[in-house]
Amino acid sequence: MTIARNLVADHFKSGRYRLEICTAELTEPDRPQEGPERAVLDAMTNRTLLIAVRSLGSEQQECVVLRFLHGLSVAETALIMGKKSGAIKALQYRAVRSLARMLPADLQG
């Protein structure tokens, strides 16, 4: 009986430290109501971002598109662009900083 009690106690003790969440408990993050207003705002944001990306240099454009639109890793982007990983990281950093300076304050964040 003592062994069984200790096993159950150990199970529940260790359960507190594990980050297990039942999928039934997962909820959508708090998002504003989807609707026509949200669609218009998203379209305006996307248009503004596209204009800003187009104003970057060609290498920075390619880096941003590969990394953020295609979701490639730094190594994959470096292979495609024929550069080293460190160069891609620096190129991405400069591109993101340039975009941040070009975008209105309400889109930064």
PDB file of N, CA and C in Angstrom:
ATOM      1  N   MET A   1       0.813  -1.182   0.000  1.00  0.00           N
ATOM      2  CA  MET A   1       0.000   0.000   0.000  1.00  0.00           C
ATOM      3  C   MET A   1       0.868   1.262   0.000  1.00  0.00           C
ATOM      4  N   THR A   2       1.941   1.238   0.767  1.00  0.00           N
ATOM      5  CA  THR A   2       2.840   2.387   0.851  1.00  0.00           C
ATOM      6  C   THR A   2       3.506   2.639  -0.493  1.00  0.00           C
ATOM      7  N   ILE A   3       3.895   1.585  -1.171  1.00  0.00           N
ATOM      8  CA  ILE A   3       4.538   1.733  -2.481  1.00  0.00           C
ATOM      9  C   ILE A   3       3.570   2.384  -3.464  1.00  0.00           C
ATOM     10  N   ALA A   4       2.337   1.914  -3.497  1.00  0.00           N
ATOM     11  CA  ALA A   4       1.339   2.470  -4.405  1.00  0.00           C
ATOM     12  C   ALA A   4       1.086   3.944  -4.079  1.00  0.00           C
ATOM     13  N   ARG A   5       0.958   4.264  -2.803  1.00  0.00           N
ATOM     14  CA  ARG A   5       0.730   5.655  -2.394  1.00  0.00           C
ATOM     15  C   ARG A   5       1.900   6.540  -2.828  1.00  0.00           C
ATOM     16  N   ASN A   6       3.119   6.063  -2.646  1.00  0.00           N
ATOM     17  CA  ASN A   6       4.297   6.835  -3.032  1.00  0.00           C
ATOM     18  C   ASN A   6       4.368   7.020  -4.556  1.00  0.00           C
ATOM     19  N   LEU A   7       4.001   6.000  -5.303  1.00  0.00           N
ATOM     20  CA  LEU A   7       4.000   6.119  -6.764  1.00  0.00           C
ATOM     21  C   LEU A   7       2.990   7.171  -7.226  1.00  0.00           C
ATOM     22  N   VAL A   8       1.805   7.141  -6.631  1.00  0.00           N
ATOM     23  CA  VAL A   8       0.783   8.131  -6.985  1.00  0.00           C
ATOM     24  C   VAL A   8       1.249   9.524  -6.582  1.00  0.00           C
ATOM     25  N   ALA A   9       1.826   9.662  -5.401  1.00  0.00           N
ATOM     26  CA  ALA A   9       2.318  10.959  -4.945  1.00  0.00           C
ATOM     27  C   ALA A   9       3.421  11.469  -5.874  1.00  0.00           C
ATOM     28  N   ASP A  10       4.348  10.598  -6.265  1.00  0.00           N
ATOM     29  CA  ASP A  10       5.420  10.990  -7.182  1.00  0.00           C
ATOM     30  C   ASP A  10       4.855  11.439  -8.527  1.00  0.00           C
ATOM     31  N   HIS A  11       3.859  10.719  -8.992  1.00  0.00           N
ATOM     32  CA  HIS A  11       3.257  11.073 -10.281  1.00  0.00           C
ATOM     33  C   HIS A  11       2.672  12.487 -10.241  1.00  0.00           C
ATOM     34  N   PHE A  12       1.903  12.781  -9.207  1.00  0.00           N
ATOM     35  CA  PHE A  12       1.268  14.088  -9.136  1.00  0.00           C
ATOM     36  C   PHE A  12       2.275  15.197  -8.839  1.00  0.00           C
ATOM     37  N   LYS A  13       3.313  14.901  -8.091  1.00  0.00           N
ATOM     38  CA  LYS A  13       4.355  15.901  -7.834  1.00  0.00           C
ATOM     39  C   LYS A  13       5.067  16.258  -9.137  1.00  0.00           C
ATOM     40  N   SER A  14       5.420  15.249  -9.910  1.00  0.00           N
ATOM     41  CA  SER A  14       6.147  15.519 -11.152  1.00  0.00           C
ATOM     42  C   SER A  14       5.231  16.183 -12.176  1.00  0.00           C
ATOM     43  N   GLY A  15       3.943  15.947 -12.113  1.00  0.00           N
ATOM     44  CA  GLY A  15       2.996  16.555 -13.036  1.00  0.00           C
ATOM     45  C   GLY A  15       2.923  18.064 -12.895  1.00  0.00           C
ATOM     46  N   ARG A  16       3.218  18.568 -11.717  1.00  0.00           N
ATOM     47  CA  ARG A  16       3.188  20.014 -11.517  1.00  0.00           C
ATOM     48  C   ARG A  16       4.303  20.707 -12.287  1.00  0.00           C
ATOM     49  N   TYR A  17       5.393  20.024 -12.477  1.00  0.00           N
ATOM     50  CA  TYR A  17       6.542  20.654 -13.108  1.00  0.00           C
ATOM     51  C   TYR A  17       6.582  20.437 -14.613  1.00  0.00           C
ATOM     52  N   ARG A  18       5.788  19.524 -15.112  1.00  0.00           N
ATOM     53  CA  ARG A  18       5.711  19.315 -16.556  1.00  0.00           C
ATOM     54  C   ARG A  18       4.746  20.310 -17.147  1.00  0.00           C
ATOM     55  N   LEU A  19       5.061  20.758 -18.326  1.00  0.00           N
ATOM     56  CA  LEU A  19       4.193  21.725 -18.994  1.00  0.00           C
ATOM     57  C   LEU A  19       3.253  20.983 -19.931  1.00  0.00           C
ATOM     58  N   GLU A  20       2.341  20.249 -19.343  1.00  0.00           N
ATOM     59  CA  GLU A  20       1.366  19.526 -20.133  1.00  0.00           C
ATOM     60  C   GLU A  20       0.052  20.276 -20.104  1.00  0.00           C
ATOM     61  N   ILE A  21      -0.483  20.505 -21.282  1.00  0.00           N
ATOM     62  CA  ILE A  21      -1.783  21.153 -21.384  1.00  0.00           C
ATOM     63  C   ILE A  21      -2.646  20.275 -22.275  1.00  0.00           C
ATOM     64  N   CYS A  22      -3.778  19.920 -21.767  1.00  0.00           N
ATOM     65  CA  CYS A  22      -4.699  19.126 -22.560  1.00  0.00           C
ATOM     66  C   CYS A  22      -5.154  19.969 -23.748  1.00  0.00           C
ATOM     67  N   THR A  23      -5.225  19.369 -24.926  1.00  0.00           N
ATOM     68  CA  THR A  23      -5.594  20.141 -26.107  1.00  0.00           C
ATOM     69  C   THR A  23      -6.996  20.728 -25.998  1.00  0.00           C
ATOM     70  N   ALA A  24      -7.828  20.149 -25.177  1.00  0.00           N
ATOM     71  CA  ALA A  24      -9.171  20.691 -24.988  1.00  0.00           C
ATOM     72  C   ALA A  24      -9.115  22.027 -24.242  1.00  0.00           C
ATOM     73  N   GLU A  25      -8.016  22.252 -23.489  1.00  0.00           N
ATOM     74  CA  GLU A  25      -7.895  23.480 -22.723  1.00  0.00           C
ATOM     75  C   GLU A  25      -7.273  24.613 -23.522  1.00  0.00           C
ATOM     76  N   LEU A  26      -6.688  24.303 -24.672  1.00  0.00           N
ATOM     77  CA  LEU A  26      -6.069  25.343 -25.476  1.00  0.00           C
ATOM     78  C   LEU A  26      -7.131  26.247 -26.062  1.00  0.00           C
ATOM     79  N   THR A  27      -6.887  27.530 -25.975  1.00  0.00           N
ATOM     80  CA  THR A  27      -7.827  28.495 -26.528  1.00  0.00           C
ATOM     81  C   THR A  27      -7.084  29.394 -27.494  1.00  0.00           C
ATOM     82  N   GLU A  28      -7.822  30.033 -28.330  1.00  0.00           N
ATOM     83  CA  GLU A  28      -7.236  31.000 -29.249  1.00  0.00           C
ATOM     84  C   GLU A  28      -6.727  32.177 -28.443  1.00  0.00           C
ATOM     85  N   PRO A  29      -5.582  32.740 -28.814  1.00  0.00           N
ATOM     86  CA  PRO A  29      -5.136  33.944 -28.118  1.00  0.00           C
ATOM     87  C   PRO A  29      -6.145  35.069 -28.338  1.00  0.00           C
ATOM     88  N   ASP A  30      -6.145  35.990 -27.417  1.00  0.00           N
ATOM     89  CA  ASP A  30      -7.092  37.104 -27.533  1.00  0.00           C
ATOM     90  C   ASP A  30      -6.814  37.872 -28.810  1.00  0.00           C
ATOM     91  N   ARG A  31      -7.696  37.749 -29.755  1.00  0.00           N
ATOM     92  CA  ARG A  31      -7.577  38.465 -31.023  1.00  0.00           C
ATOM     93  C   ARG A  31      -8.798  39.339 -31.173  1.00  0.00           C
ATOM     94  N   PRO A  32      -8.605  40.476 -31.779  1.00  0.00           N
ATOM     95  CA  PRO A  32      -9.776  41.313 -32.028  1.00  0.00           C
ATOM     96  C   PRO A  32     -10.778  40.551 -32.897  1.00  0.00           C
ATOM     97  N   GLN A  33     -12.005  40.943 -32.811  1.00  0.00           N
ATOM     98  CA  GLN A  33     -13.036  40.289 -33.605  1.00  0.00           C
ATOM     99  C   GLN A  33     -12.694  40.359 -35.079  1.00  0.00           C
ATOM    100  N   GLU A  34     -12.803  39.232 -35.750  1.00  0.00           N
ATOM    101  CA  GLU A  34     -12.583  39.209 -37.190  1.00  0.00           C
ATOM    102  C   GLU A  34     -13.797  39.849 -37.845  1.00  0.00           C
ATOM    103  N   GLY A  35     -13.567  40.636 -38.810  1.00  0.00           N
ATOM    104  CA  GLY A  35     -14.665  41.285 -39.499  1.00  0.00           C
ATOM    105  C   GLY A  35     -14.127  42.142 -40.615  1.00  0.00           C
ATOM    106  N   PRO A  36     -14.995  42.907 -41.237  1.00  0.00           N
ATOM    107  CA  PRO A  36     -14.552  43.729 -42.361  1.00  0.00           C
ATOM    108  C   PRO A  36     -13.523  44.785 -41.955  1.00  0.00           C
ATOM    109  N   GLU A  37     -13.639  45.326 -40.738  1.00  0.00           N
ATOM    110  CA  GLU A  37     -12.678  46.324 -40.294  1.00  0.00           C
ATOM    111  C   GLU A  37     -11.285  45.717 -40.185  1.00  0.00           C
ATOM    112  N   ARG A  38     -11.212  44.520 -39.612  1.00  0.00           N
ATOM    113  CA  ARG A  38      -9.927  43.840 -39.443  1.00  0.00           C
ATOM    114  C   ARG A  38      -9.327  43.518 -40.806  1.00  0.00           C
ATOM    115  N   ALA A  39     -10.161  43.103 -41.761  1.00  0.00           N
ATOM    116  CA  ALA A  39      -9.675  42.776 -43.100  1.00  0.00           C
ATOM    117  C   ALA A  39      -9.101  44.005 -43.790  1.00  0.00           C
ATOM    118  N   VAL A  40      -9.766  45.143 -43.641  1.00  0.00           N
ATOM    119  CA  VAL A  40      -9.278  46.393 -44.249  1.00  0.00           C
ATOM    120  C   VAL A  40      -7.959  46.803 -43.602  1.00  0.00           C
ATOM    121  N   LEU A  41      -7.885  46.739 -42.275  1.00  0.00           N
ATOM    122  CA  LEU A  41      -6.650  47.103 -41.580  1.00  0.00           C
ATOM    123  C   LEU A  41      -5.495  46.183 -41.964  1.00  0.00           C
ATOM    124  N   ASP A  42      -5.770  44.886 -42.061  1.00  0.00           N
ATOM    125  CA  ASP A  42      -4.734  43.937 -42.470  1.00  0.00           C
ATOM    126  C   ASP A  42      -4.247  44.235 -43.886  1.00  0.00           C
ATOM    127  N   ALA A  43      -5.164  44.541 -44.785  1.00  0.00           N
ATOM    128  CA  ALA A  43      -4.788  44.853 -46.167  1.00  0.00           C
ATOM    129  C   ALA A  43      -3.932  46.116 -46.222  1.00  0.00           C
ATOM    130  N   MET A  44      -4.297  47.127 -45.439  1.00  0.00           N
ATOM    131  CA  MET A  44      -3.513  48.367 -45.407  1.00  0.00           C
ATOM    132  C   MET A  44      -2.115  48.118 -44.836  1.00  0.00           C
ATOM    133  N   THR A  45      -2.047  47.313 -43.792  1.00  0.00           N
ATOM    134  CA  THR A  45      -0.758  46.979 -43.189  1.00  0.00           C
ATOM    135  C   THR A  45       0.118  46.225 -44.175  1.00  0.00           C
ATOM    136  N   ASN A  46      -0.469  45.234 -44.853  1.00  0.00           N
ATOM    137  CA  ASN A  46       0.291  44.452 -45.829  1.00  0.00           C
ATOM    138  C   ASN A  46       0.792  45.329 -46.971  1.00  0.00           C
ATOM    139  N   ARG A  47      -0.044  46.247 -47.429  1.00  0.00           N
ATOM    140  CA  ARG A  47       0.352  47.144 -48.524  1.00  0.00           C
ATOM    141  C   ARG A  47       1.517  48.026 -48.081  1.00  0.00           C
ATOM    142  N   THR A  48       1.435  48.559 -46.863  1.00  0.00           N
ATOM    143  CA  THR A  48       2.500  49.415 -46.340  1.00  0.00           C
ATOM    144  C   THR A  48       3.803  48.635 -46.213  1.00  0.00           C
ATOM    145  N   LEU A  49       3.715  47.400 -45.709  1.00  0.00           N
ATOM    146  CA  LEU A  49       4.909  46.560 -45.586  1.00  0.00           C
ATOM    147  C   LEU A  49       5.506  46.242 -46.949  1.00  0.00           C
ATOM    148  N   LEU A  50       4.673  45.944 -47.913  1.00  0.00           N
ATOM    149  CA  LEU A  50       5.156  45.621 -49.255  1.00  0.00           C
ATOM    150  C   LEU A  50       5.893  46.807 -49.870  1.00  0.00           C
ATOM    151  N   ILE A  51       5.341  48.005 -49.714  1.00  0.00           N
ATOM    152  CA  ILE A  51       5.990  49.213 -50.231  1.00  0.00           C
ATOM    153  C   ILE A  51       7.344  49.408 -49.556  1.00  0.00           C
ATOM    154  N   ALA A  52       7.395  49.187 -48.239  1.00  0.00           N
ATOM    155  CA  ALA A  52       8.647  49.350 -47.495  1.00  0.00           C
ATOM    156  C   ALA A  52       9.685  48.318 -47.945  1.00  0.00           C
ATOM    157  N   VAL A  53       9.267  47.070 -48.125  1.00  0.00           N
ATOM    158  CA  VAL A  53      10.206  46.029 -48.560  1.00  0.00           C
ATOM    159  C   VAL A  53      10.730  46.334 -49.960  1.00  0.00           C
ATOM    160  N   ARG A  54       9.859  46.844 -50.833  1.00  0.00           N
ATOM    161  CA  ARG A  54      10.290  47.169 -52.199  1.00  0.00           C
ATOM    162  C   ARG A  54      11.315  48.295 -52.226  1.00  0.00           C
ATOM    163  N   SER A  55      11.337  49.124 -51.201  1.00  0.00           N
ATOM    164  CA  SER A  55      12.296  50.223 -51.180  1.00  0.00           C
ATOM    165  C   SER A  55      13.669  49.799 -50.647  1.00  0.00           C
ATOM    166  N   LEU A  56      13.783  48.566 -50.169  1.00  0.00           N
ATOM    167  CA  LEU A  56      15.077  48.055 -49.724  1.00  0.00           C
ATOM    168  C   LEU A  56      15.947  47.735 -50.935  1.00  0.00           C
ATOM    169  N   GLY A  57      17.231  47.563 -50.680  1.00  0.00           N
ATOM    170  CA  GLY A  57      18.135  47.117 -51.732  1.00  0.00           C
ATOM    171  C   GLY A  57      17.791  45.700 -52.151  1.00  0.00           C
ATOM    172  N   SER A  58      18.279  45.280 -53.312  1.00  0.00           N
ATOM    173  CA  SER A  58      17.889  43.970 -53.848  1.00  0.00           C
ATOM    174  C   SER A  58      18.303  42.817 -52.942  1.00  0.00           C
ATOM    175  N   GLU A  59      19.507  42.877 -52.367  1.00  0.00           N
ATOM    176  CA  GLU A  59      19.939  41.796 -51.478  1.00  0.00           C
ATOM    177  C   GLU A  59      19.106  41.753 -50.209  1.00  0.00           C
ATOM    178  N   GLN A  60      18.805  42.931 -49.651  1.00  0.00           N
ATOM    179  CA  GLN A  60      17.980  42.976 -48.451  1.00  0.00           C
ATOM    180  C   GLN A  60      16.573  42.485 -48.749  1.00  0.00           C
ATOM    181  N   GLN A  61      16.032  42.851 -49.916  1.00  0.00           N
ATOM    182  CA  GLN A  61      14.708  42.351 -50.308  1.00  0.00           C
ATOM    183  C   GLN A  61      14.711  40.833 -50.363  1.00  0.00           C
ATOM    184  N   GLU A  62      15.703  40.284 -51.052  1.00  0.00           N
ATOM    185  CA  GLU A  62      15.773  38.826 -51.204  1.00  0.00           C
ATOM    186  C   GLU A  62      15.888  38.146 -49.848  1.00  0.00           C
ATOM    187  N   CYS A  63      16.705  38.703 -48.980  1.00  0.00           N
ATOM    188  CA  CYS A  63      16.893  38.130 -47.645  1.00  0.00           C
ATOM    189  C   CYS A  63      15.578  38.141 -46.858  1.00  0.00           C
ATOM    190  N   VAL A  64      14.878  39.271 -46.868  1.00  0.00           N
ATOM    191  CA  VAL A  64      13.610  39.386 -46.135  1.00  0.00           C
ATOM    192  C   VAL A  64      12.574  38.414 -46.697  1.00  0.00           C
ATOM    193  N   VAL A  65      12.484  38.327 -48.015  1.00  0.00           N
ATOM    194  CA  VAL A  65      11.508  37.432 -48.639  1.00  0.00           C
ATOM    195  C   VAL A  65      11.810  35.978 -48.290  1.00  0.00           C
ATOM    196  N   LEU A  66      13.076  35.580 -48.404  1.00  0.00           N
ATOM    197  CA  LEU A  66      13.431  34.192 -48.105  1.00  0.00           C
ATOM    198  C   LEU A  66      13.230  33.856 -46.634  1.00  0.00           C
ATOM    199  N   ARG A  67      13.646  34.763 -45.755  1.00  0.00           N
ATOM    200  CA  ARG A  67      13.569  34.468 -44.325  1.00  0.00           C
ATOM    201  C   ARG A  67      12.141  34.549 -43.781  1.00  0.00           C
ATOM    202  N   PHE A  68      11.407  35.599 -44.144  1.00  0.00           N
ATOM    203  CA  PHE A  68      10.121  35.823 -43.489  1.00  0.00           C
ATOM    204  C   PHE A  68       8.920  35.361 -44.299  1.00  0.00           C
ATOM    205  N   LEU A  69       8.972  35.465 -45.598  1.00  0.00           N
ATOM    206  CA  LEU A  69       7.827  35.022 -46.402  1.00  0.00           C
ATOM    207  C   LEU A  69       7.906  33.532 -46.704  1.00  0.00           C
ATOM    208  N   HIS A  70       9.111  33.057 -47.039  1.00  0.00           N
ATOM    209  CA  HIS A  70       9.266  31.631 -47.339  1.00  0.00           C
ATOM    210  C   HIS A  70       9.612  30.821 -46.096  1.00  0.00           C
ATOM    211  N   GLY A  71       9.986  31.487 -45.014  1.00  0.00           N
ATOM    212  CA  GLY A  71      10.259  30.803 -43.748  1.00  0.00           C
ATOM    213  C   GLY A  71      11.517  29.970 -43.745  1.00  0.00           C
ATOM    214  N   LEU A  72      12.499  30.329 -44.553  1.00  0.00           N
ATOM    215  CA  LEU A  72      13.745  29.564 -44.608  1.00  0.00           C
ATOM    216  C   LEU A  72      14.636  29.915 -43.422  1.00  0.00           C
ATOM    217  N   SER A  73      15.500  28.990 -43.063  1.00  0.00           N
ATOM    218  CA  SER A  73      16.460  29.237 -41.989  1.00  0.00           C
ATOM    219  C   SER A  73      17.590  30.111 -42.507  1.00  0.00           C
ATOM    220  N   VAL A  74      18.432  30.550 -41.593  1.00  0.00           N
ATOM    221  CA  VAL A  74      19.588  31.359 -41.973  1.00  0.00           C
ATOM    222  C   VAL A  74      20.501  30.543 -42.896  1.00  0.00           C
ATOM    223  N   ALA A  75      20.718  29.272 -42.549  1.00  0.00           N
ATOM    224  CA  ALA A  75      21.595  28.423 -43.356  1.00  0.00           C
ATOM    225  C   ALA A  75      21.030  28.216 -44.767  1.00  0.00           C
ATOM    226  N   GLU A  76      19.720  27.979 -44.860  1.00  0.00           N
ATOM    227  CA  GLU A  76      19.098  27.787 -46.176  1.00  0.00           C
ATOM    228  C   GLU A  76      19.173  29.060 -47.012  1.00  0.00           C
ATOM    229  N   THR A  77      18.941  30.202 -46.361  1.00  0.00           N
ATOM    230  CA  THR A  77      19.020  31.482 -47.058  1.00  0.00           C
ATOM    231  C   THR A  77      20.446  31.734 -47.537  1.00  0.00           C
ATOM    232  N   ALA A  78      21.421  31.422 -46.698  1.00  0.00           N
ATOM    233  CA  ALA A  78      22.823  31.604 -47.076  1.00  0.00           C
ATOM    234  C   ALA A  78      23.173  30.745 -48.283  1.00  0.00           C
ATOM    235  N   LEU A  79      22.689  29.526 -48.303  1.00  0.00           N
ATOM    236  CA  LEU A  79      22.961  28.622 -49.420  1.00  0.00           C
ATOM    237  C   LEU A  79      22.366  29.170 -50.714  1.00  0.00           C
ATOM    238  N   ILE A  80      21.135  29.637 -50.662  1.00  0.00           N
ATOM    239  CA  ILE A  80      20.461  30.160 -51.854  1.00  0.00           C
ATOM    240  C   ILE A  80      21.143  31.427 -52.346  1.00  0.00           C
ATOM    241  N   MET A  81      21.524  32.306 -51.408  1.00  0.00           N
ATOM    242  CA  MET A  81      22.109  33.586 -51.798  1.00  0.00           C
ATOM    243  C   MET A  81      23.614  33.506 -52.046  1.00  0.00           C
ATOM    244  N   GLY A  82      24.210  32.346 -51.768  1.00  0.00           N
ATOM    245  CA  GLY A  82      25.647  32.174 -51.982  1.00  0.00           C
ATOM    246  C   GLY A  82      26.494  32.973 -51.011  1.00  0.00           C
ATOM    247  N   LYS A  83      26.037  33.094 -49.781  1.00  0.00           N
ATOM    248  CA  LYS A  83      26.759  33.852 -48.758  1.00  0.00           C
ATOM    249  C   LYS A  83      26.933  32.981 -47.524  1.00  0.00           C
ATOM    250  N   LYS A  84      27.716  33.476 -46.577  1.00  0.00           N
ATOM    251  CA  LYS A  84      27.901  32.775 -45.307  1.00  0.00           C
ATOM    252  C   LYS A  84      26.773  33.152 -44.354  1.00  0.00           C
ATOM    253  N   SER A  85      26.533  32.307 -43.369  1.00  0.00           N
ATOM    254  CA  SER A  85      25.449  32.537 -42.405  1.00  0.00           C
ATOM    255  C   SER A  85      25.597  33.873 -41.686  1.00  0.00           C
ATOM    256  N   GLY A  86      26.816  34.213 -41.308  1.00  0.00           N
ATOM    257  CA  GLY A  86      27.051  35.480 -40.618  1.00  0.00           C
ATOM    258  C   GLY A  86      26.668  36.673 -41.482  1.00  0.00           C
ATOM    259  N   ALA A  87      26.953  36.581 -42.782  1.00  0.00           N
ATOM    260  CA  ALA A  87      26.595  37.666 -43.700  1.00  0.00           C
ATOM    261  C   ALA A  87      25.082  37.797 -43.814  1.00  0.00           C
ATOM    262  N   ILE A  88      24.381  36.665 -43.806  1.00  0.00           N
ATOM    263  CA  ILE A  88      22.915  36.686 -43.887  1.00  0.00           C
ATOM    264  C   ILE A  88      22.330  37.310 -42.620  1.00  0.00           C
ATOM    265  N   LYS A  89      22.893  36.958 -41.471  1.00  0.00           N
ATOM    266  CA  LYS A  89      22.396  37.539 -40.217  1.00  0.00           C
ATOM    267  C   LYS A  89      22.570  39.054 -40.218  1.00  0.00           C
ATOM    268  N   ALA A  90      23.724  39.518 -40.683  1.00  0.00           N
ATOM    269  CA  ALA A  90      23.977  40.964 -40.736  1.00  0.00           C
ATOM    270  C   ALA A  90      23.050  41.636 -41.751  1.00  0.00           C
ATOM    271  N   LEU A  91      22.871  40.994 -42.899  1.00  0.00           N
ATOM    272  CA  LEU A  91      21.991  41.537 -43.934  1.00  0.00           C
ATOM    273  C   LEU A  91      20.558  41.626 -43.433  1.00  0.00           C
ATOM    274  N   GLN A  92      20.107  40.589 -42.755  1.00  0.00           N
ATOM    275  CA  GLN A  92      18.757  40.577 -42.196  1.00  0.00           C
ATOM    276  C   GLN A  92      18.609  41.663 -41.131  1.00  0.00           C
ATOM    277  N   TYR A  93      19.591  41.803 -40.283  1.00  0.00           N
ATOM    278  CA  TYR A  93      19.539  42.821 -39.236  1.00  0.00           C
ATOM    279  C   TYR A  93      19.415  44.212 -39.848  1.00  0.00           C
ATOM    280  N   ARG A  94      20.242  44.499 -40.841  1.00  0.00           N
ATOM    281  CA  ARG A  94      20.191  45.813 -41.487  1.00  0.00           C
ATOM    282  C   ARG A  94      18.851  46.036 -42.195  1.00  0.00           C
ATOM    283  N   ALA A  95      18.331  44.990 -42.821  1.00  0.00           N
ATOM    284  CA  ALA A  95      17.045  45.105 -43.521  1.00  0.00           C
ATOM    285  C   ALA A  95      15.915  45.384 -42.541  1.00  0.00           C
ATOM    286  N   VAL A  96      15.891  44.680 -41.442  1.00  0.00           N
ATOM    287  CA  VAL A  96      14.832  44.871 -40.441  1.00  0.00           C
ATOM    288  C   VAL A  96      14.930  46.264 -39.821  1.00  0.00           C
ATOM    289  N   ARG A  97      16.150  46.723 -39.561  1.00  0.00           N
ATOM    290  CA  ARG A  97      16.328  48.063 -39.018  1.00  0.00           C
ATOM    291  C   ARG A  97      15.852  49.120 -40.015  1.00  0.00           C
ATOM    292  N   SER A  98      16.158  48.924 -41.292  1.00  0.00           N
ATOM    293  CA  SER A  98      15.705  49.860 -42.322  1.00  0.00           C
ATOM    294  C   SER A  98      14.187  49.878 -42.397  1.00  0.00           C
ATOM    295  N   LEU A  99      13.567  48.694 -42.348  1.00  0.00           N
ATOM    296  CA  LEU A  99      12.106  48.620 -42.377  1.00  0.00           C
ATOM    297  C   LEU A  99      11.498  49.338 -41.178  1.00  0.00           C
ATOM    298  N   ALA A 100      12.108  49.173 -40.026  1.00  0.00           N
ATOM    299  CA  ALA A 100      11.598  49.810 -38.812  1.00  0.00           C
ATOM    300  C   ALA A 100      11.627  51.335 -38.948  1.00  0.00           C
ATOM    301  N   ARG A 101      12.662  51.849 -39.588  1.00  0.00           N
ATOM    302  CA  ARG A 101      12.743  53.313 -39.773  1.00  0.00           C
ATOM    303  C   ARG A 101      11.711  53.797 -40.782  1.00  0.00           C
ATOM    304  N   MET A 102      11.355  52.969 -41.766  1.00  0.00           N
ATOM    305  CA  MET A 102      10.430  53.384 -42.817  1.00  0.00           C
ATOM    306  C   MET A 102       8.964  53.296 -42.397  1.00  0.00           C
ATOM    307  N   LEU A 103       8.642  52.395 -41.497  1.00  0.00           N
ATOM    308  CA  LEU A 103       7.240  52.152 -41.147  1.00  0.00           C
ATOM    309  C   LEU A 103       6.739  53.184 -40.140  1.00  0.00           C
ATOM    310  N   PRO A 104       5.450  53.506 -40.234  1.00  0.00           N
ATOM    311  CA  PRO A 104       4.859  54.417 -39.240  1.00  0.00           C
ATOM    312  C   PRO A 104       4.920  53.790 -37.852  1.00  0.00           C
ATOM    313  N   ALA A 105       4.913  54.622 -36.842  1.00  0.00           N
ATOM    314  CA  ALA A 105       5.059  54.159 -35.454  1.00  0.00           C
ATOM    315  C   ALA A 105       3.961  53.174 -35.058  1.00  0.00           C
ATOM    316  N   ASP A 106       2.755  53.311 -35.593  1.00  0.00           N
ATOM    317  CA  ASP A 106       1.659  52.417 -35.191  1.00  0.00           C
ATOM    318  C   ASP A 106       1.818  51.008 -35.753  1.00  0.00           C
ATOM    319  N   LEU A 107       2.688  50.806 -36.737  1.00  0.00           N
ATOM    320  CA  LEU A 107       2.928  49.459 -37.273  1.00  0.00           C
ATOM    321  C   LEU A 107       4.152  48.814 -36.634  1.00  0.00           C
ATOM    322  N   GLN A 108       4.908  49.551 -35.898  1.00  0.00           N
ATOM    323  CA  GLN A 108       6.108  49.015 -35.250  1.00  0.00           C
ATOM    324  C   GLN A 108       5.727  48.457 -33.904  1.00  0.00           C
ATOM    325  N   GLY A 109       5.666  47.167 -33.809  1.00  0.00           N
ATOM    326  CA  GLY A 109       5.350  46.671 -32.486  1.00  0.00           C
ATOM    327  C   GLY A 109       4.577  45.475 -32.536  1.00  0.00           C
TER     328      GLY A 109
END
